[in-house]
Amino acid sequence: MKPQIKKALIIISSSVVLFVSVFFLTLRLNNISTNQAKNNSVSLKENSSDKVKNNDTTKESNSLKDIDTNTIDISTEKHSEYIVKEGDTLFSIARKTMPWKSQEDAVKTLQVMNSLKDRELLTVGSHLIIPVNTIDASGCTKYVVQQGENLYTIAEKYMPNANPNDAVKLIMQKNNLSDPSVLSVGLEIYIPNESTQASSNTIKNNAAK
């Protein structure tokens, strides 16, 4: 074989080997990059999933952390049922059905009694257990609150012989009301009759001053 041909074959062979080596090296680098990208993607997804789980846990914790169930009496035997209507919130239900408690205490009581994890989530048509106000109705007349009425107008109308402020205090005591401004139409309250008014320490003490 002529030296020129032999030299040409050697050059060609070397070129082929070099090309093949470069090709496989490039392919290997691409595979490594692809695998790293996949691993990074999986890692990001796992981290994102963990964050979502942590956020959900935090949200649930926030919805329950302010409630000390030891301070809420849920052992009452008497209760009524309330069907959630369109537009109802736990706050509006508490204001309407439990005026003898402060709104926040009433909401907490409803949340605990009905095992509600989130006070913002109410389903229309669902049934809620509402504690019944335990009232000593002896010496009182039952009255249903009408549109536009408040404790002062009721006291002036049905307890005209008593000082309006004293009469309101007595009505609040009899009905376990914590806020004189919280009355809802249709709410049943008990108004002390004259004999109850006469024996009331509230009326007596103020009358003596």
Protein backbone atom coordinates (compact mmCIF):
# COMPACT_ATOMS: atom_id res chain seq x y z
CA MET A 1 0.00 0.00 0.00
CA LYS A 2 1.27 3.37 -0.94
CA PRO A 3 2.32 5.60 1.94
CA GLN A 4 -0.01 8.37 0.77
CA ILE A 5 -3.05 6.07 0.84
CA LYS A 6 -2.08 4.63 4.21
CA LYS A 7 -1.71 8.11 5.65
CA ALA A 8 -5.10 9.13 4.28
CA LEU A 9 -6.79 6.07 5.81
CA ILE A 10 -5.22 6.81 9.18
CA ILE A 11 -6.49 10.40 9.05
CA ILE A 12 -9.99 9.25 8.07
CA SER A 13 -10.09 6.60 10.83
CA SER A 14 -8.92 9.08 13.42
CA SER A 15 -11.58 11.57 12.29
CA VAL A 16 -14.32 8.93 12.54
CA VAL A 17 -13.20 7.88 16.02
CA LEU A 18 -13.04 11.51 17.14
CA PHE A 19 -16.49 12.24 15.72
CA VAL A 20 -18.03 9.19 17.38
CA SER A 21 -16.38 10.08 20.69
CA VAL A 22 -17.66 13.65 20.54
CA PHE A 23 -21.16 12.43 19.59
CA PHE A 24 -21.44 10.04 22.53
CA LEU A 25 -19.92 12.57 24.92
CA THR A 26 -22.49 15.17 23.84
CA LEU A 27 -25.31 12.61 24.20
CA ARG A 28 -24.14 11.70 27.70
CA LEU A 29 -23.97 15.35 28.77
CA ASN A 30 -27.51 15.91 27.46
CA ASN A 31 -28.79 12.92 29.45
CA ILE A 32 -27.12 14.20 32.61
CA SER A 33 -28.68 17.66 32.13
CA THR A 34 -32.12 16.13 31.50
CA ASN A 35 -31.93 13.97 34.64
CA GLN A 36 -30.85 16.94 36.74
CA ALA A 37 -33.74 18.99 35.40
CA LYS A 38 -36.20 16.19 36.25
CA ASN A 39 -34.77 15.83 39.75
CA ASN A 40 -35.01 19.58 40.31
CA SER A 41 -38.60 19.55 39.06
CA VAL A 42 -39.56 16.71 41.41
CA SER A 43 -37.83 18.47 44.30
CA LEU A 44 -39.71 21.69 43.57
CA LYS A 45 -43.02 19.83 43.41
CA GLU A 46 -42.33 18.10 46.71
CA ASN A 47 -41.39 21.38 48.36
CA SER A 48 -44.51 23.02 46.94
CA SER A 49 -46.65 20.15 48.20
CA ASP A 50 -45.11 20.43 51.66
CA LYS A 51 -45.82 24.17 51.69
CA VAL A 52 -49.48 23.57 50.76
CA LYS A 53 -49.82 21.00 53.54
CA ASN A 54 -48.20 23.36 56.02
CA ASN A 55 -50.51 26.20 54.94
CA ASP A 56 -53.57 23.97 55.37
CA THR A 57 -52.42 22.95 58.83
CA THR A 58 -51.82 26.57 59.78
CA LYS A 59 -55.25 27.61 58.49
CA GLU A 60 -56.98 24.90 60.49
CA SER A 61 -54.97 25.82 63.55
CA ASN A 62 -55.91 29.49 63.18
CA SER A 63 -59.59 28.59 63.01
CA LEU A 64 -59.49 26.73 66.32
CA LYS A 65 -56.63 28.23 68.31
CA ASP A 66 -58.70 31.03 69.89
CA ILE A 67 -61.29 28.68 71.34
CA ASP A 68 -60.78 27.41 74.87
CA THR A 69 -63.34 24.63 75.08
CA ASN A 70 -62.87 24.41 78.84
CA THR A 71 -64.56 27.80 79.25
CA ILE A 72 -67.61 26.88 77.17
CA ASP A 73 -70.48 24.99 78.77
CA ILE A 74 -71.90 22.60 76.17
CA SER A 75 -73.54 20.29 78.67
CA THR A 76 -76.88 22.12 78.61
CA GLU A 77 -79.78 19.70 78.18
CA LYS A 78 -82.07 22.17 76.44
CA HIS A 79 -81.35 23.23 72.91
CA SER A 80 -83.15 24.08 69.70
CA GLU A 81 -82.28 23.56 66.05
CA TYR A 82 -81.64 26.24 63.48
CA ILE A 83 -81.61 25.65 59.71
CA VAL A 84 -78.95 27.71 57.95
CA LYS A 85 -80.43 30.07 55.34
CA GLU A 86 -78.94 31.86 52.35
CA GLY A 87 -76.79 34.75 53.54
CA ASP A 88 -76.45 33.47 57.11
CA THR A 89 -73.14 33.65 58.91
CA LEU A 90 -72.25 32.25 62.30
CA PHE A 91 -72.11 35.84 63.57
CA SER A 92 -75.61 36.72 62.31
CA ILE A 93 -77.03 33.46 63.70
CA ALA A 94 -75.38 34.08 67.07
CA ARG A 95 -76.71 37.64 67.19
CA LYS A 96 -80.23 36.48 66.33
CA THR A 97 -80.51 33.35 68.47
CA MET A 98 -78.22 34.01 71.46
CA PRO A 99 -78.61 37.68 72.45
CA TRP A 100 -77.95 36.89 76.10
CA LYS A 101 -74.27 36.28 75.32
CA SER A 102 -71.65 38.57 73.84
CA GLN A 103 -71.37 37.95 70.12
CA GLU A 104 -67.87 36.45 70.29
CA ASP A 105 -68.83 34.10 73.15
CA ALA A 106 -71.99 33.08 71.30
CA VAL A 107 -70.04 32.33 68.11
CA LYS A 108 -67.50 30.26 70.02
CA THR A 109 -70.28 28.33 71.75
CA LEU A 110 -71.99 27.55 68.44
CA GLN A 111 -68.68 26.55 66.89
CA VAL A 112 -67.88 24.11 69.70
CA MET A 113 -71.39 22.67 70.06
CA ASN A 114 -71.63 21.99 66.33
CA SER A 115 -68.00 20.88 65.87
CA LEU A 116 -67.35 23.53 63.23
CA LYS A 117 -63.67 23.66 62.28
CA ASP A 118 -64.07 26.90 60.35
CA ARG A 119 -66.62 29.48 61.46
CA GLU A 120 -66.69 30.94 57.93
CA LEU A 121 -67.94 27.74 56.28
CA LEU A 122 -71.69 27.19 56.61
CA THR A 123 -73.84 25.11 54.26
CA VAL A 124 -77.33 26.34 53.40
CA GLY A 125 -79.86 23.85 54.74
CA SER A 126 -77.58 22.41 57.41
CA HIS A 127 -78.88 22.10 60.97
CA LEU A 128 -77.20 23.81 63.89
CA ILE A 129 -77.75 23.12 67.57
CA ILE A 130 -78.60 26.32 69.44
CA PRO A 131 -78.48 26.40 73.26
CA VAL A 132 -81.68 27.55 74.91
CA ASN A 133 -81.47 30.45 77.32
CA THR A 134 -82.39 29.13 80.76
CA ILE A 135 -84.65 31.79 82.26
CA ASP A 136 -86.63 31.91 85.48
CA ALA A 137 -89.89 33.04 83.92
CA SER A 138 -91.84 33.11 87.17
CA GLY A 139 -93.52 36.45 87.77
CA CYS A 140 -93.03 37.43 84.14
CA THR A 141 -95.06 37.77 80.97
CA LYS A 142 -93.75 36.36 77.72
CA TYR A 143 -93.39 38.92 74.95
CA VAL A 144 -92.37 38.61 71.30
CA VAL A 145 -90.19 41.45 70.03
CA GLN A 146 -91.75 43.40 67.15
CA GLN A 147 -90.19 45.35 64.29
CA GLY A 148 -88.60 48.63 65.40
CA GLU A 149 -88.65 47.85 69.12
CA ASN A 150 -85.80 47.97 71.60
CA LEU A 151 -85.55 47.33 75.32
CA TYR A 152 -86.20 50.97 76.19
CA THR A 153 -89.43 51.23 74.18
CA ILE A 154 -90.58 47.89 75.60
CA ALA A 155 -89.73 48.98 79.16
CA GLU A 156 -91.57 52.30 78.77
CA LYS A 157 -94.63 50.53 77.35
CA TYR A 158 -94.91 47.55 79.71
CA MET A 159 -93.17 48.87 82.84
CA PRO A 160 -94.40 52.50 82.93
CA ASN A 161 -94.13 52.86 86.71
CA ALA A 162 -90.41 52.08 86.79
CA ASN A 163 -87.49 54.25 85.82
CA PRO A 164 -86.72 53.29 82.18
CA ASN A 165 -83.04 52.58 82.90
CA ASP A 166 -83.91 50.44 85.92
CA ALA A 167 -86.61 48.64 83.95
CA VAL A 168 -84.18 47.83 81.15
CA LYS A 169 -81.65 46.48 83.67
CA LEU A 170 -84.32 44.26 85.22
CA ILE A 171 -85.43 42.92 81.83
CA MET A 172 -81.80 42.19 80.97
CA GLN A 173 -81.28 40.38 84.29
CA LYS A 174 -84.41 38.27 83.81
CA ASN A 175 -83.48 37.33 80.25
CA ASN A 176 -79.71 36.97 80.76
CA LEU A 177 -79.10 39.65 78.14
CA SER A 178 -75.60 41.12 77.94
CA ASP A 179 -76.29 43.93 75.45
CA PRO A 180 -79.44 46.11 75.54
CA SER A 181 -79.07 46.96 71.85
CA VAL A 182 -79.17 43.35 70.67
CA LEU A 183 -82.76 42.38 69.96
CA SER A 184 -84.10 40.57 66.92
CA VAL A 185 -87.64 40.55 65.59
CA GLY A 186 -89.48 37.44 66.80
CA LEU A 187 -87.26 36.94 69.85
CA GLU A 188 -89.17 35.84 72.94
CA ILE A 189 -88.33 37.74 76.10
CA TYR A 190 -89.89 37.83 79.55
CA ILE A 191 -91.12 41.08 81.07
CA PRO A 192 -91.35 41.25 84.88
CA ASN A 193 -94.85 41.96 86.17
CA GLU A 194 -95.62 44.51 88.89
CA SER A 195 -95.08 42.13 91.80
CA THR A 196 -91.68 41.11 90.43
CA GLN A 197 -90.79 44.75 89.89
CA ALA A 198 -91.78 45.58 93.45
CA SER A 199 -89.55 42.85 94.88
CA SER A 200 -86.60 43.62 92.63
CA ASN A 201 -83.41 44.81 94.31
CA THR A 202 -82.59 46.79 91.17
CA ILE A 203 -85.80 48.83 91.40
CA LYS A 204 -85.68 49.15 95.20
CA ASN A 205 -82.08 50.25 95.46
CA ASN A 206 -82.46 52.86 92.77
CA ALA A 207 -85.77 54.10 94.14
CA ALA A 208 -84.23 54.61 97.56
CA LYS A 209 -81.47 56.88 96.21
